[in-house]
PDB file of N, CA and C in Angstrom:
ATOM      1  N   MET A   1     106.051 109.475  90.743  1.00  0.00           N
ATOM      2  CA  MET A   1     105.358 108.219  90.954  1.00  0.00           C
ATOM      3  C   MET A   1     103.898 108.514  91.296  1.00  0.00           C
ATOM      4  N   HIS A   2     102.989 107.826  90.688  1.00  0.00           N
ATOM      5  CA  HIS A   2     101.547 107.966  90.907  1.00  0.00           C
ATOM      6  C   HIS A   2     101.197 107.488  92.319  1.00  0.00           C
ATOM      7  N   ASP A   3     100.151 108.080  92.931  1.00  0.00           N
ATOM      8  CA  ASP A   3      99.760 107.703  94.289  1.00  0.00           C
ATOM      9  C   ASP A   3      99.547 106.207  94.440  1.00  0.00           C
ATOM     10  N   SER A   4      98.847 105.584  93.492  1.00  0.00           N
ATOM     11  CA  SER A   4      98.592 104.143  93.579  1.00  0.00           C
ATOM     12  C   SER A   4      99.894 103.355  93.567  1.00  0.00           C
ATOM     13  N   GLU A   5     100.855 103.803  92.763  1.00  0.00           N
ATOM     14  CA  GLU A   5     102.146 103.118  92.724  1.00  0.00           C
ATOM     15  C   GLU A   5     102.900 103.296  94.032  1.00  0.00           C
ATOM     16  N   SER A   6     102.824 104.489  94.623  1.00  0.00           N
ATOM     17  CA  SER A   6     103.485 104.744  95.905  1.00  0.00           C
ATOM     18  C   SER A   6     102.870 103.885  96.999  1.00  0.00           C
ATOM     19  N   ILE A   7     101.554 103.829  97.019  1.00  0.00           N
ATOM     20  CA  ILE A   7     100.860 103.001  98.007  1.00  0.00           C
ATOM     21  C   ILE A   7     101.228 101.544  97.799  1.00  0.00           C
ATOM     22  N   GLY A   8     101.232 101.100  96.556  1.00  0.00           N
ATOM     23  CA  GLY A   8     101.605  99.724  96.252  1.00  0.00           C
ATOM     24  C   GLY A   8     103.021  99.401  96.683  1.00  0.00           C
ATOM     25  N   SER A   9     103.925 100.334  96.455  1.00  0.00           N
ATOM     26  CA  SER A   9     105.317 100.150  96.846  1.00  0.00           C
ATOM     27  C   SER A   9     105.450 100.008  98.361  1.00  0.00           C
ATOM     28  N   ARG A  10     104.725 100.842  99.102  1.00  0.00           N
ATOM     29  CA  ARG A  10     104.774 100.757 100.570  1.00  0.00           C
ATOM     30  C   ARG A  10     104.088  99.488 101.068  1.00  0.00           C
ATOM     31  N   LEU A  11     103.040  99.066 100.385  1.00  0.00           N
ATOM     32  CA  LEU A  11     102.377  97.813 100.730  1.00  0.00           C
ATOM     33  C   LEU A  11     103.353  96.649 100.552  1.00  0.00           C
ATOM     34  N   ARG A  12     104.080  96.639  99.436  1.00  0.00           N
ATOM     35  CA  ARG A  12     105.091  95.608  99.184  1.00  0.00           C
ATOM     36  C   ARG A  12     106.160  95.635 100.273  1.00  0.00           C
ATOM     37  N   GLU A  13     106.582  96.853 100.647  1.00  0.00           N
ATOM     38  CA  GLU A  13     107.591  97.006 101.701  1.00  0.00           C
ATOM     39  C   GLU A  13     107.106  96.402 103.016  1.00  0.00           C
ATOM     40  N   GLU A  14     105.860  96.687 103.380  1.00  0.00           N
ATOM     41  CA  GLU A  14     105.305  96.132 104.623  1.00  0.00           C
ATOM     42  C   GLU A  14     105.221  94.602 104.549  1.00  0.00           C
ATOM     43  N   ARG A  15     104.814  94.086 103.384  1.00  0.00           N
ATOM     44  CA  ARG A  15     104.726  92.627 103.227  1.00  0.00           C
ATOM     45  C   ARG A  15     106.099  91.990 103.394  1.00  0.00           C
ATOM     46  N   LYS A  16     107.101  92.561 102.730  1.00  0.00           N
ATOM     47  CA  LYS A  16     108.454  92.007 102.819  1.00  0.00           C
ATOM     48  C   LYS A  16     108.992  92.122 104.241  1.00  0.00           C
ATOM     49  N   LYS A  17     108.697  93.233 104.895  1.00  0.00           N
ATOM     50  CA  LYS A  17     109.131  93.440 106.283  1.00  0.00           C
ATOM     51  C   LYS A  17     108.557  92.368 107.191  1.00  0.00           C
ATOM     52  N   SER A  18     107.348  91.910 106.873  1.00  0.00           N
ATOM     53  CA  SER A  18     106.707  90.878 107.681  1.00  0.00           C
ATOM     54  C   SER A  18     107.221  89.482 107.355  1.00  0.00           C
ATOM     55  N   GLY A  19     108.022  89.370 106.283  1.00  0.00           N
ATOM     56  CA  GLY A  19     108.581  88.079 105.905  1.00  0.00           C
ATOM     57  C   GLY A  19     107.635  87.206 105.103  1.00  0.00           C
ATOM     58  N   LEU A  20     106.548  87.799 104.580  1.00  0.00           N
ATOM     59  CA  LEU A  20     105.559  87.032 103.827  1.00  0.00           C
ATOM     60  C   LEU A  20     105.781  87.174 102.323  1.00  0.00           C
ATOM     61  N   THR A  21     105.509  86.088 101.600  1.00  0.00           N
ATOM     62  CA  THR A  21     105.517  86.150 100.143  1.00  0.00           C
ATOM     63  C   THR A  21     104.147  86.622  99.679  1.00  0.00           C
ATOM     64  N   GLN A  22     104.031  86.949  98.389  1.00  0.00           N
ATOM     65  CA  GLN A  22     102.722  87.317  97.852  1.00  0.00           C
ATOM     66  C   GLN A  22     101.744  86.149  97.991  1.00  0.00           C
ATOM     67  N   ASP A  23     102.210  84.937  97.760  1.00  0.00           N
ATOM     68  CA  ASP A  23     101.343  83.758  97.918  1.00  0.00           C
ATOM     69  C   ASP A  23     100.830  83.649  99.345  1.00  0.00           C
ATOM     70  N   GLN A  24     101.715  83.835 100.324  1.00  0.00           N
ATOM     71  CA  GLN A  24     101.330  83.694 101.729  1.00  0.00           C
ATOM     72  C   GLN A  24     100.323  84.760 102.150  1.00  0.00           C
ATOM     73  N   ILE A  25     100.582  86.017 101.796  1.00  0.00           N
ATOM     74  CA  ILE A  25      99.664  87.079 102.202  1.00  0.00           C
ATOM     75  C   ILE A  25      98.326  86.920 101.508  1.00  0.00           C
ATOM     76  N   ALA A  26      98.347  86.482 100.242  1.00  0.00           N
ATOM     77  CA  ALA A  26      97.097  86.259  99.517  1.00  0.00           C
ATOM     78  C   ALA A  26      96.281  85.170 100.206  1.00  0.00           C
ATOM     79  N   GLU A  27      96.941  84.106 100.638  1.00  0.00           N
ATOM     80  CA  GLU A  27      96.232  83.019 101.319  1.00  0.00           C
ATOM     81  C   GLU A  27      95.637  83.498 102.644  1.00  0.00           C
ATOM     82  N   VAL A  28      96.416  84.243 103.414  1.00  0.00           N
ATOM     83  CA  VAL A  28      95.938  84.754 104.705  1.00  0.00           C
ATOM     84  C   VAL A  28      94.710  85.647 104.517  1.00  0.00           C
ATOM     85  N   LEU A  29      94.729  86.464 103.459  1.00  0.00           N
ATOM     86  CA  LEU A  29      93.669  87.444 103.247  1.00  0.00           C
ATOM     87  C   LEU A  29      92.517  86.916 102.395  1.00  0.00           C
ATOM     88  N   GLY A  30      92.682  85.726 101.838  1.00  0.00           N
ATOM     89  CA  GLY A  30      91.616  85.149 101.036  1.00  0.00           C
ATOM     90  C   GLY A  30      91.449  85.797  99.673  1.00  0.00           C
ATOM     91  N   ILE A  31      92.580  86.200  99.079  1.00  0.00           N
ATOM     92  CA  ILE A  31      92.554  86.803  97.743  1.00  0.00           C
ATOM     93  C   ILE A  31      93.522  86.025  96.857  1.00  0.00           C
ATOM     94  N   SER A  32      93.505  86.307  95.568  1.00  0.00           N
ATOM     95  CA  SER A  32      94.444  85.639  94.666  1.00  0.00           C
ATOM     96  C   SER A  32      95.800  86.342  94.717  1.00  0.00           C
ATOM     97  N   LYS A  33      96.837  85.594  94.330  1.00  0.00           N
ATOM     98  CA  LYS A  33      98.172  86.185  94.250  1.00  0.00           C
ATOM     99  C   LYS A  33      98.165  87.320  93.228  1.00  0.00           C
ATOM    100  N   ARG A  34      97.428  87.155  92.150  1.00  0.00           N
ATOM    101  CA  ARG A  34      97.339  88.169  91.099  1.00  0.00           C
ATOM    102  C   ARG A  34      96.771  89.477  91.677  1.00  0.00           C
ATOM    103  N   THR A  35      95.729  89.370  92.509  1.00  0.00           N
ATOM    104  CA  THR A  35      95.134  90.559  93.134  1.00  0.00           C
ATOM    105  C   THR A  35      96.163  91.253  94.020  1.00  0.00           C
ATOM    106  N   GLN A  36      96.885  90.471  94.829  1.00  0.00           N
ATOM    107  CA  GLN A  36      97.928  91.037  95.689  1.00  0.00           C
ATOM    108  C   GLN A  36      98.991  91.722  94.841  1.00  0.00           C
ATOM    109  N   ALA A  37      99.411  91.066  93.773  1.00  0.00           N
ATOM    110  CA  ALA A  37     100.426  91.650  92.890  1.00  0.00           C
ATOM    111  C   ALA A  37      99.928  92.959  92.283  1.00  0.00           C
ATOM    112  N   ASN A  38      98.655  93.013  91.904  1.00  0.00           N
ATOM    113  CA  ASN A  38      98.081  94.242  91.336  1.00  0.00           C
ATOM    114  C   ASN A  38      98.070  95.376  92.355  1.00  0.00           C
ATOM    115  N   TYR A  39      97.733  95.063  93.616  1.00  0.00           N
ATOM    116  CA  TYR A  39      97.754  96.086  94.663  1.00  0.00           C
ATOM    117  C   TYR A  39      99.171  96.622  94.845  1.00  0.00           C
ATOM    118  N   GLU A  40     100.149  95.719  94.870  1.00  0.00           N
ATOM    119  CA  GLU A  40     101.533  96.124  95.093  1.00  0.00           C
ATOM    120  C   GLU A  40     102.103  96.896  93.902  1.00  0.00           C
ATOM    121  N   ALA A  41     101.649  96.575  92.714  1.00  0.00           N
ATOM    122  CA  ALA A  41     102.123  97.280  91.515  1.00  0.00           C
ATOM    123  C   ALA A  41     101.441  98.626  91.340  1.00  0.00           C
ATOM    124  N   GLY A  42     100.344  98.838  92.056  1.00  0.00           N
ATOM    125  CA  GLY A  42      99.593 100.081  91.921  1.00  0.00           C
ATOM    126  C   GLY A  42      98.662 100.077  90.729  1.00  0.00           C
ATOM    127  N   SER A  43      98.496  98.909  90.089  1.00  0.00           N
ATOM    128  CA  SER A  43      97.583  98.833  88.948  1.00  0.00           C
ATOM    129  C   SER A  43      96.136  98.683  89.392  1.00  0.00           C
ATOM    130  N   SER A  44      95.931  98.292  90.658  1.00  0.00           N
ATOM    131  CA  SER A  44      94.603  98.263  91.275  1.00  0.00           C
ATOM    132  C   SER A  44      94.722  98.888  92.655  1.00  0.00           C
ATOM    133  N   ASP A  45      93.720  99.665  93.043  1.00  0.00           N
ATOM    134  CA  ASP A  45      93.711 100.256  94.380  1.00  0.00           C
ATOM    135  C   ASP A  45      93.162  99.250  95.378  1.00  0.00           C
ATOM    136  N   ALA A  46      93.850  99.109  96.496  1.00  0.00           N
ATOM    137  CA  ALA A  46      93.391  98.209  97.549  1.00  0.00           C
ATOM    138  C   ALA A  46      92.151  98.807  98.216  1.00  0.00           C
ATOM    139  N   PRO A  47      91.065  98.021  98.336  1.00  0.00           N
ATOM    140  CA  PRO A  47      89.848  98.536  98.964  1.00  0.00           C
ATOM    141  C   PRO A  47      89.982  98.631 100.488  1.00  0.00           C
ATOM    142  N   ALA A  48      89.057  99.331 101.091  1.00  0.00           N
ATOM    143  CA  ALA A  48      89.089  99.559 102.541  1.00  0.00           C
ATOM    144  C   ALA A  48      89.072  98.254 103.326  1.00  0.00           C
ATOM    145  N   TRP A  49      88.258  97.272 102.900  1.00  0.00           N
ATOM    146  CA  TRP A  49      88.196  96.005 103.642  1.00  0.00           C
ATOM    147  C   TRP A  49      89.560  95.324 103.661  1.00  0.00           C
ATOM    148  N   TYR A  50      90.278  95.437 102.546  1.00  0.00           N
ATOM    149  CA  TYR A  50      91.611  94.834 102.445  1.00  0.00           C
ATOM    150  C   TYR A  50      92.570  95.528 103.422  1.00  0.00           C
ATOM    151  N   LEU A  51      92.575  96.858 103.414  1.00  0.00           N
ATOM    152  CA  LEU A  51      93.466  97.606 104.297  1.00  0.00           C
ATOM    153  C   LEU A  51      93.151  97.331 105.764  1.00  0.00           C
ATOM    154  N   SER A  52      91.874  97.219 106.075  1.00  0.00           N
ATOM    155  CA  SER A  52      91.475  96.888 107.440  1.00  0.00           C
ATOM    156  C   SER A  52      92.004  95.514 107.838  1.00  0.00           C
ATOM    157  N   LYS A  53      91.926  94.581 106.905  1.00  0.00           N
ATOM    158  CA  LYS A  53      92.364  93.217 107.188  1.00  0.00           C
ATOM    159  C   LYS A  53      93.884  93.136 107.344  1.00  0.00           C
ATOM    160  N   VAL A  54      94.658  93.817 106.488  1.00  0.00           N
ATOM    161  CA  VAL A  54      96.119  93.744 106.630  1.00  0.00           C
ATOM    162  C   VAL A  54      96.600  94.463 107.887  1.00  0.00           C
ATOM    163  N   MET A  55      95.799  95.387 108.379  1.00  0.00           N
ATOM    164  CA  MET A  55      96.148  96.052 109.629  1.00  0.00           C
ATOM    165  C   MET A  55      95.993  95.075 110.798  1.00  0.00           C
ATOM    166  N   ARG A  56      94.936  94.241 110.756  1.00  0.00           N
ATOM    167  CA  ARG A  56      94.677  93.301 111.843  1.00  0.00           C
ATOM    168  C   ARG A  56      95.482  92.020 111.732  1.00  0.00           C
ATOM    169  N   GLU A  57      95.448  91.374 110.595  1.00  0.00           N
ATOM    170  CA  GLU A  57      96.023  90.032 110.434  1.00  0.00           C
ATOM    171  C   GLU A  57      97.556  90.048 110.540  1.00  0.00           C
ATOM    172  N   PRO A  58      98.263  90.566 109.542  1.00  0.00           N
ATOM    173  CA  PRO A  58      99.715  90.594 109.696  1.00  0.00           C
ATOM    174  C   PRO A  58     100.221  91.814 110.457  1.00  0.00           C
ATOM    175  N   GLY A  59      99.349  92.788 110.751  1.00  0.00           N
ATOM    176  CA  GLY A  59      99.751  93.948 111.541  1.00  0.00           C
ATOM    177  C   GLY A  59     100.489  95.016 110.756  1.00  0.00           C
ATOM    178  N   PHE A  60     100.128  95.198 109.492  1.00  0.00           N
ATOM    179  CA  PHE A  60     100.773  96.234 108.681  1.00  0.00           C
ATOM    180  C   PHE A  60     100.405  97.617 109.193  1.00  0.00           C
ATOM    181  N   ASP A  61     101.305  98.559 108.997  1.00  0.00           N
ATOM    182  CA  ASP A  61     101.083  99.957 109.350  1.00  0.00           C
ATOM    183  C   ASP A  61     100.340 100.621 108.189  1.00  0.00           C
ATOM    184  N   VAL A  62      99.004 100.609 108.242  1.00  0.00           N
ATOM    185  CA  VAL A  62      98.183 101.121 107.143  1.00  0.00           C
ATOM    186  C   VAL A  62      98.354 102.625 106.992  1.00  0.00           C
ATOM    187  N   HIS A  63      98.561 103.331 108.072  1.00  0.00           N
ATOM    188  CA  HIS A  63      98.812 104.772 107.978  1.00  0.00           C
ATOM    189  C   HIS A  63     100.040 105.023 107.108  1.00  0.00           C
ATOM    190  N   TYR A  64     101.090 104.232 107.319  1.00  0.00           N
ATOM    191  CA  TYR A  64     102.299 104.365 106.501  1.00  0.00           C
ATOM    192  C   TYR A  64     102.010 104.001 105.045  1.00  0.00           C
ATOM    193  N   ILE A  65     101.270 102.915 104.826  1.00  0.00           N
ATOM    194  CA  ILE A  65     100.962 102.493 103.455  1.00  0.00           C
ATOM    195  C   ILE A  65     100.269 103.622 102.706  1.00  0.00           C
ATOM    196  N   LEU A  66      99.311 104.279 103.339  1.00  0.00           N
ATOM    197  CA  LEU A  66      98.532 105.317 102.670  1.00  0.00           C
ATOM    198  C   LEU A  66      99.233 106.664 102.596  1.00  0.00           C
ATOM    199  N   SER A  67      99.985 107.021 103.635  1.00  0.00           N
ATOM    200  CA  SER A  67     100.541 108.370 103.708  1.00  0.00           C
ATOM    201  C   SER A  67     102.054 108.458 103.524  1.00  0.00           C
ATOM    202  N   GLY A  68     102.743 107.356 103.741  1.00  0.00           N
ATOM    203  CA  GLY A  68     104.205 107.391 103.693  1.00  0.00           C
ATOM    204  C   GLY A  68     104.833 107.808 104.999  1.00  0.00           C
ATOM    205  N   GLN A  69     104.010 108.012 106.038  1.00  0.00           N
ATOM    206  CA  GLN A  69     104.517 108.404 107.353  1.00  0.00           C
ATOM    207  C   GLN A  69     104.231 107.287 108.347  1.00  0.00           C
ATOM    208  N   ARG A  70     105.268 106.863 109.038  1.00  0.00           N
ATOM    209  CA  ARG A  70     105.131 105.791 110.027  1.00  0.00           C
ATOM    210  C   ARG A  70     104.289 106.256 111.211  1.00  0.00           C
ATOM    211  N   THR A  71     103.506 105.339 111.724  1.00  0.00           N
ATOM    212  CA  THR A  71     102.740 105.601 112.941  1.00  0.00           C
ATOM    213  C   THR A  71     103.714 105.536 114.108  1.00  0.00           C
ATOM    214  N   THR A  72     103.761 106.604 114.884  1.00  0.00           N
ATOM    215  CA  THR A  72     104.707 106.615 116.003  1.00  0.00           C
ATOM    216  C   THR A  72     104.022 106.752 117.351  1.00  0.00           C
ATOM    217  N   ALA A  73     102.798 107.230 117.387  1.00  0.00           N
ATOM    218  CA  ALA A  73     102.130 107.449 118.675  1.00  0.00           C
ATOM    219  C   ALA A  73     102.036 106.169 119.477  1.00  0.00           C
ATOM    220  N   THR A  74     101.618 105.085 118.852  1.00  0.00           N
ATOM    221  CA  THR A  74     101.487 103.824 119.561  1.00  0.00           C
ATOM    222  C   THR A  74     102.851 103.289 119.960  1.00  0.00           C
ATOM    223  N   GLU A  75     103.787 103.316 119.026  1.00  0.00           N
ATOM    224  CA  GLU A  75     105.114 102.796 119.313  1.00  0.00           C
ATOM    225  C   GLU A  75     105.800 103.587 120.417  1.00  0.00           C
ATOM    226  N   ALA A  76     105.559 104.883 120.471  1.00  0.00           N
ATOM    227  CA  ALA A  76     106.188 105.710 121.488  1.00  0.00           C
ATOM    228  C   ALA A  76     105.675 105.361 122.881  1.00  0.00           C
ATOM    229  N   SER A  77     104.456 104.844 122.968  1.00  0.00           N
ATOM    230  CA  SER A  77     103.885 104.521 124.265  1.00  0.00           C
ATOM    231  C   SER A  77     104.282 103.124 124.754  1.00  0.00           C
ATOM    232  N   LEU A  78     104.986 102.362 123.916  1.00  0.00           N
ATOM    233  CA  LEU A  78     105.412 101.017 124.298  1.00  0.00           C
ATOM    234  C   LEU A  78     106.802 101.053 124.907  1.00  0.00           C
ATOM    235  N   SER A  79     107.037 100.133 125.836  1.00  0.00           N
ATOM    236  CA  SER A  79     108.378 100.009 126.400  1.00  0.00           C
ATOM    237  C   SER A  79     109.298  99.357 125.363  1.00  0.00           C
ATOM    238  N   GLU A  80     110.572  99.344 125.647  1.00  0.00           N
ATOM    239  CA  GLU A  80     111.538  98.724 124.729  1.00  0.00           C
ATOM    240  C   GLU A  80     111.222  97.238 124.537  1.00  0.00           C
ATOM    241  N   VAL A  81     110.869  96.554 125.610  1.00  0.00           N
ATOM    242  CA  VAL A  81     110.533  95.125 125.533  1.00  0.00           C
ATOM    243  C   VAL A  81     109.256  94.921 124.715  1.00  0.00           C
ATOM    244  N   GLU A  82     108.251  95.780 124.918  1.00  0.00           N
ATOM    245  CA  GLU A  82     107.012  95.674 124.149  1.00  0.00           C
ATOM    246  C   GLU A  82     107.259  95.918 122.661  1.00  0.00           C
ATOM    247  N   ASN A  83     108.080  96.911 122.326  1.00  0.00           N
ATOM    248  CA  ASN A  83     108.432  97.160 120.927  1.00  0.00           C
ATOM    249  C   ASN A  83     109.127  95.962 120.308  1.00  0.00           C
ATOM    250  N   LEU A  84     110.025  95.330 121.067  1.00  0.00           N
ATOM    251  CA  LEU A  84     110.721  94.149 120.575  1.00  0.00           C
ATOM    252  C   LEU A  84     109.732  93.015 120.314  1.00  0.00           C
ATOM    253  N   LEU A  85     108.790  92.819 121.234  1.00  0.00           N
ATOM    254  CA  LEU A  85     107.780  91.773 121.052  1.00  0.00           C
ATOM    255  C   LEU A  85     106.935  92.022 119.808  1.00  0.00           C
ATOM    256  N   VAL A  86     106.537  93.270 119.585  1.00  0.00           N
ATOM    257  CA  VAL A  86     105.735  93.599 118.398  1.00  0.00           C
ATOM    258  C   VAL A  86     106.547  93.332 117.135  1.00  0.00           C
ATOM    259  N   THR A  87     107.802  93.739 117.135  1.00  0.00           N
ATOM    260  CA  THR A  87     108.666  93.515 115.975  1.00  0.00           C
ATOM    261  C   THR A  87     108.831  92.025 115.698  1.00  0.00           C
ATOM    262  N   GLN A  88     109.058  91.252 116.733  1.00  0.00           N
ATOM    263  CA  GLN A  88     109.210  89.801 116.568  1.00  0.00           C
ATOM    264  C   GLN A  88     107.909  89.170 116.095  1.00  0.00           C
ATOM    265  N   TYR A  89     106.794  89.599 116.657  1.00  0.00           N
ATOM    266  CA  TYR A  89     105.478  89.081 116.254  1.00  0.00           C
ATOM    267  C   TYR A  89     105.236  89.327 114.773  1.00  0.00           C
ATOM    268  N   ARG A  90     105.558  90.510 114.317  1.00  0.00           N
ATOM    269  CA  ARG A  90     105.340  90.855 112.904  1.00  0.00           C
ATOM    270  C   ARG A  90     106.247  90.060 111.971  1.00  0.00           C
ATOM    271  N   ALA A  91     107.353  89.529 112.490  1.00  0.00           N
ATOM    272  CA  ALA A  91     108.317  88.809 111.658  1.00  0.00           C
ATOM    273  C   ALA A  91     107.981  87.326 111.500  1.00  0.00           C
ATOM    274  N   ILE A  92     107.039  86.809 112.288  1.00  0.00           N
ATOM    275  CA  ILE A  92     106.732  85.379 112.214  1.00  0.00           C
ATOM    276  C   ILE A  92     105.542  85.129 111.288  1.00  0.00           C
ATOM    277  N   THR A  93     105.337  83.888 110.959  1.00  0.00           N
ATOM    278  CA  THR A  93     104.278  83.518 110.016  1.00  0.00           C
ATOM    279  C   THR A  93     102.897  83.791 110.612  1.00  0.00           C
ATOM    280  N   PRO A  94     101.907  83.985 109.763  1.00  0.00           N
ATOM    281  CA  PRO A  94     100.541  84.190 110.259  1.00  0.00           C
ATOM    282  C   PRO A  94     100.046  83.039 111.144  1.00  0.00           C
ATOM    283  N   GLY A  95     100.425  81.824 110.815  1.00  0.00           N
ATOM    284  CA  GLY A  95     100.025  80.675 111.640  1.00  0.00           C
ATOM    285  C   GLY A  95     100.605  80.757 113.042  1.00  0.00           C
ATOM    286  N   ASP A  96     101.881  81.144 113.125  1.00  0.00           N
ATOM    287  CA  ASP A  96     102.513  81.309 114.436  1.00  0.00           C
ATOM    288  C   ASP A  96     101.910  82.489 115.195  1.00  0.00           C
ATOM    289  N   GLN A  97     101.551  83.550 114.468  1.00  0.00           N
ATOM    290  CA  GLN A  97     100.886  84.682 115.112  1.00  0.00           C
ATOM    291  C   GLN A  97      99.564  84.236 115.737  1.00  0.00           C
ATOM    292  N   GLU A  98      98.813  83.429 115.011  1.00  0.00           N
ATOM    293  CA  GLU A  98      97.537  82.924 115.540  1.00  0.00           C
ATOM    294  C   GLU A  98      97.765  82.074 116.779  1.00  0.00           C
ATOM    295  N   ALA A  99      98.790  81.230 116.770  1.00  0.00           N
ATOM    296  CA  ALA A  99      99.103  80.393 117.935  1.00  0.00           C
ATOM    297  C   ALA A  99      99.426  81.269 119.140  1.00  0.00           C
ATOM    298  N   ILE A 100     100.169  82.342 118.928  1.00  0.00           N
ATOM    299  CA  ILE A 100     100.501  83.252 120.033  1.00  0.00           C
ATOM    300  C   ILE A 100      99.247  83.938 120.553  1.00  0.00           C
ATOM    301  N   ARG A 101      98.358  84.364 119.646  1.00  0.00           N
ATOM    302  CA  ARG A 101      97.106  85.005 120.089  1.00  0.00           C
ATOM    303  C   ARG A 101      96.274  84.041 120.934  1.00  0.00           C
ATOM    304  N   ARG A 102      96.198  82.781 120.509  1.00  0.00           N
ATOM    305  CA  ARG A 102      95.435  81.780 121.295  1.00  0.00           C
ATOM    306  C   ARG A 102      96.072  81.569 122.664  1.00  0.00           C
ATOM    307  N   PHE A 103      97.397  81.481 122.690  1.00  0.00           N
ATOM    308  CA  PHE A 103      98.126  81.285 123.941  1.00  0.00           C
ATOM    309  C   PHE A 103      97.887  82.452 124.902  1.00  0.00           C
ATOM    310  N   LEU A 104      98.008  83.681 124.390  1.00  0.00           N
ATOM    311  CA  LEU A 104      97.791  84.858 125.235  1.00  0.00           C
ATOM    312  C   LEU A 104      96.359  84.939 125.742  1.00  0.00           C
ATOM    313  N   LYS A 105      95.401  84.597 124.886  1.00  0.00           N
ATOM    314  CA  LYS A 105      94.000  84.601 125.315  1.00  0.00           C
ATOM    315  C   LYS A 105      93.791  83.598 126.433  1.00  0.00           C
ATOM    316  N   ALA A 106      94.372  82.404 126.295  1.00  0.00           N
ATOM    317  CA  ALA A 106      94.243  81.383 127.338  1.00  0.00           C
ATOM    318  C   ALA A 106      94.855  81.877 128.647  1.00  0.00           C
ATOM    319  N   MET A 107      95.998  82.523 128.570  1.00  0.00           N
ATOM    320  CA  MET A 107      96.633  83.059 129.774  1.00  0.00           C
ATOM    321  C   MET A 107      95.779  84.135 130.418  1.00  0.00           C
ATOM    322  N   ALA A 108      95.224  85.031 129.596  1.00  0.00           N
ATOM    323  CA  ALA A 108      94.372  86.115 130.113  1.00  0.00           C
ATOM    324  C   ALA A 108      93.109  85.541 130.738  1.00  0.00           C
ATOM    325  N   ASP A 109      92.503  84.559 130.081  1.00  0.00           N
ATOM    326  CA  ASP A 109      91.299  83.918 130.625  1.00  0.00           C
ATOM    327  C   ASP A 109      91.611  83.252 131.957  1.00  0.00           C
ATOM    328  N   ASP A 110      92.756  82.610 132.068  1.00  0.00           N
ATOM    329  CA  ASP A 110      93.179  81.965 133.310  1.00  0.00           C
ATOM    330  C   ASP A 110      93.396  83.007 134.407  1.00  0.00           C
ATOM    331  N   ALA A 111      93.981  84.144 134.060  1.00  0.00           N
ATOM    332  CA  ALA A 111      94.204  85.209 135.052  1.00  0.00           C
ATOM    333  C   ALA A 111      92.883  85.739 135.585  1.00  0.00           C
ATOM    334  N   VAL A 112      91.880  85.866 134.717  1.00  0.00           N
ATOM    335  CA  VAL A 112      90.562  86.329 135.145  1.00  0.00           C
ATOM    336  C   VAL A 112      89.926  85.309 136.090  1.00  0.00           C
ATOM    337  N   ARG A 113      90.038  84.026 135.746  1.00  0.00           N
ATOM    338  CA  ARG A 113      89.473  82.963 136.611  1.00  0.00           C
ATOM    339  C   ARG A 113      90.140  82.954 137.982  1.00  0.00           C
ATOM    340  N   GLN A 114      91.442  83.193 138.016  1.00  0.00           N
ATOM    341  CA  GLN A 114      92.173  83.186 139.288  1.00  0.00           C
ATOM    342  C   GLN A 114      91.757  84.362 140.169  1.00  0.00           C
ATOM    343  N   LYS A 115      91.372  85.490 139.564  1.00  0.00           N
ATOM    344  CA  LYS A 115      90.920  86.650 140.334  1.00  0.00           C
ATOM    345  C   LYS A 115      89.565  86.389 140.982  1.00  0.00           C
ATOM    346  N   ASN A 116      88.750  85.570 140.358  1.00  0.00           N
ATOM    347  CA  ASN A 116      87.387  85.321 140.848  1.00  0.00           C
ATOM    348  C   ASN A 116      87.338  84.194 141.806  1.00  0.00           C
TER     349      ASN A 116
END
């Protein structure tokens, strides 16, 4: 299998693991479904900006996409409950992920205000 095809296959795996369709991930990232399909098929190489965005937005493991090796350093430093939260977060829709980020930010901002 060609490197681009391997990367595309792992990209597809990460997308499916997150529960997103090609249409959904394309909408989140601001690209066409055709572009997403090309990246997953390995017929086009995903650019750096795209990989950076999928790492942040849906939380894909870009190291795994590029190398085939799962990132374990971060996961190893998380507690069992934290790992479960990350897994659950990655399984929900991007809209729900955004709602959780807003909620957590509000809680953190409130905690800072209470300290002062």
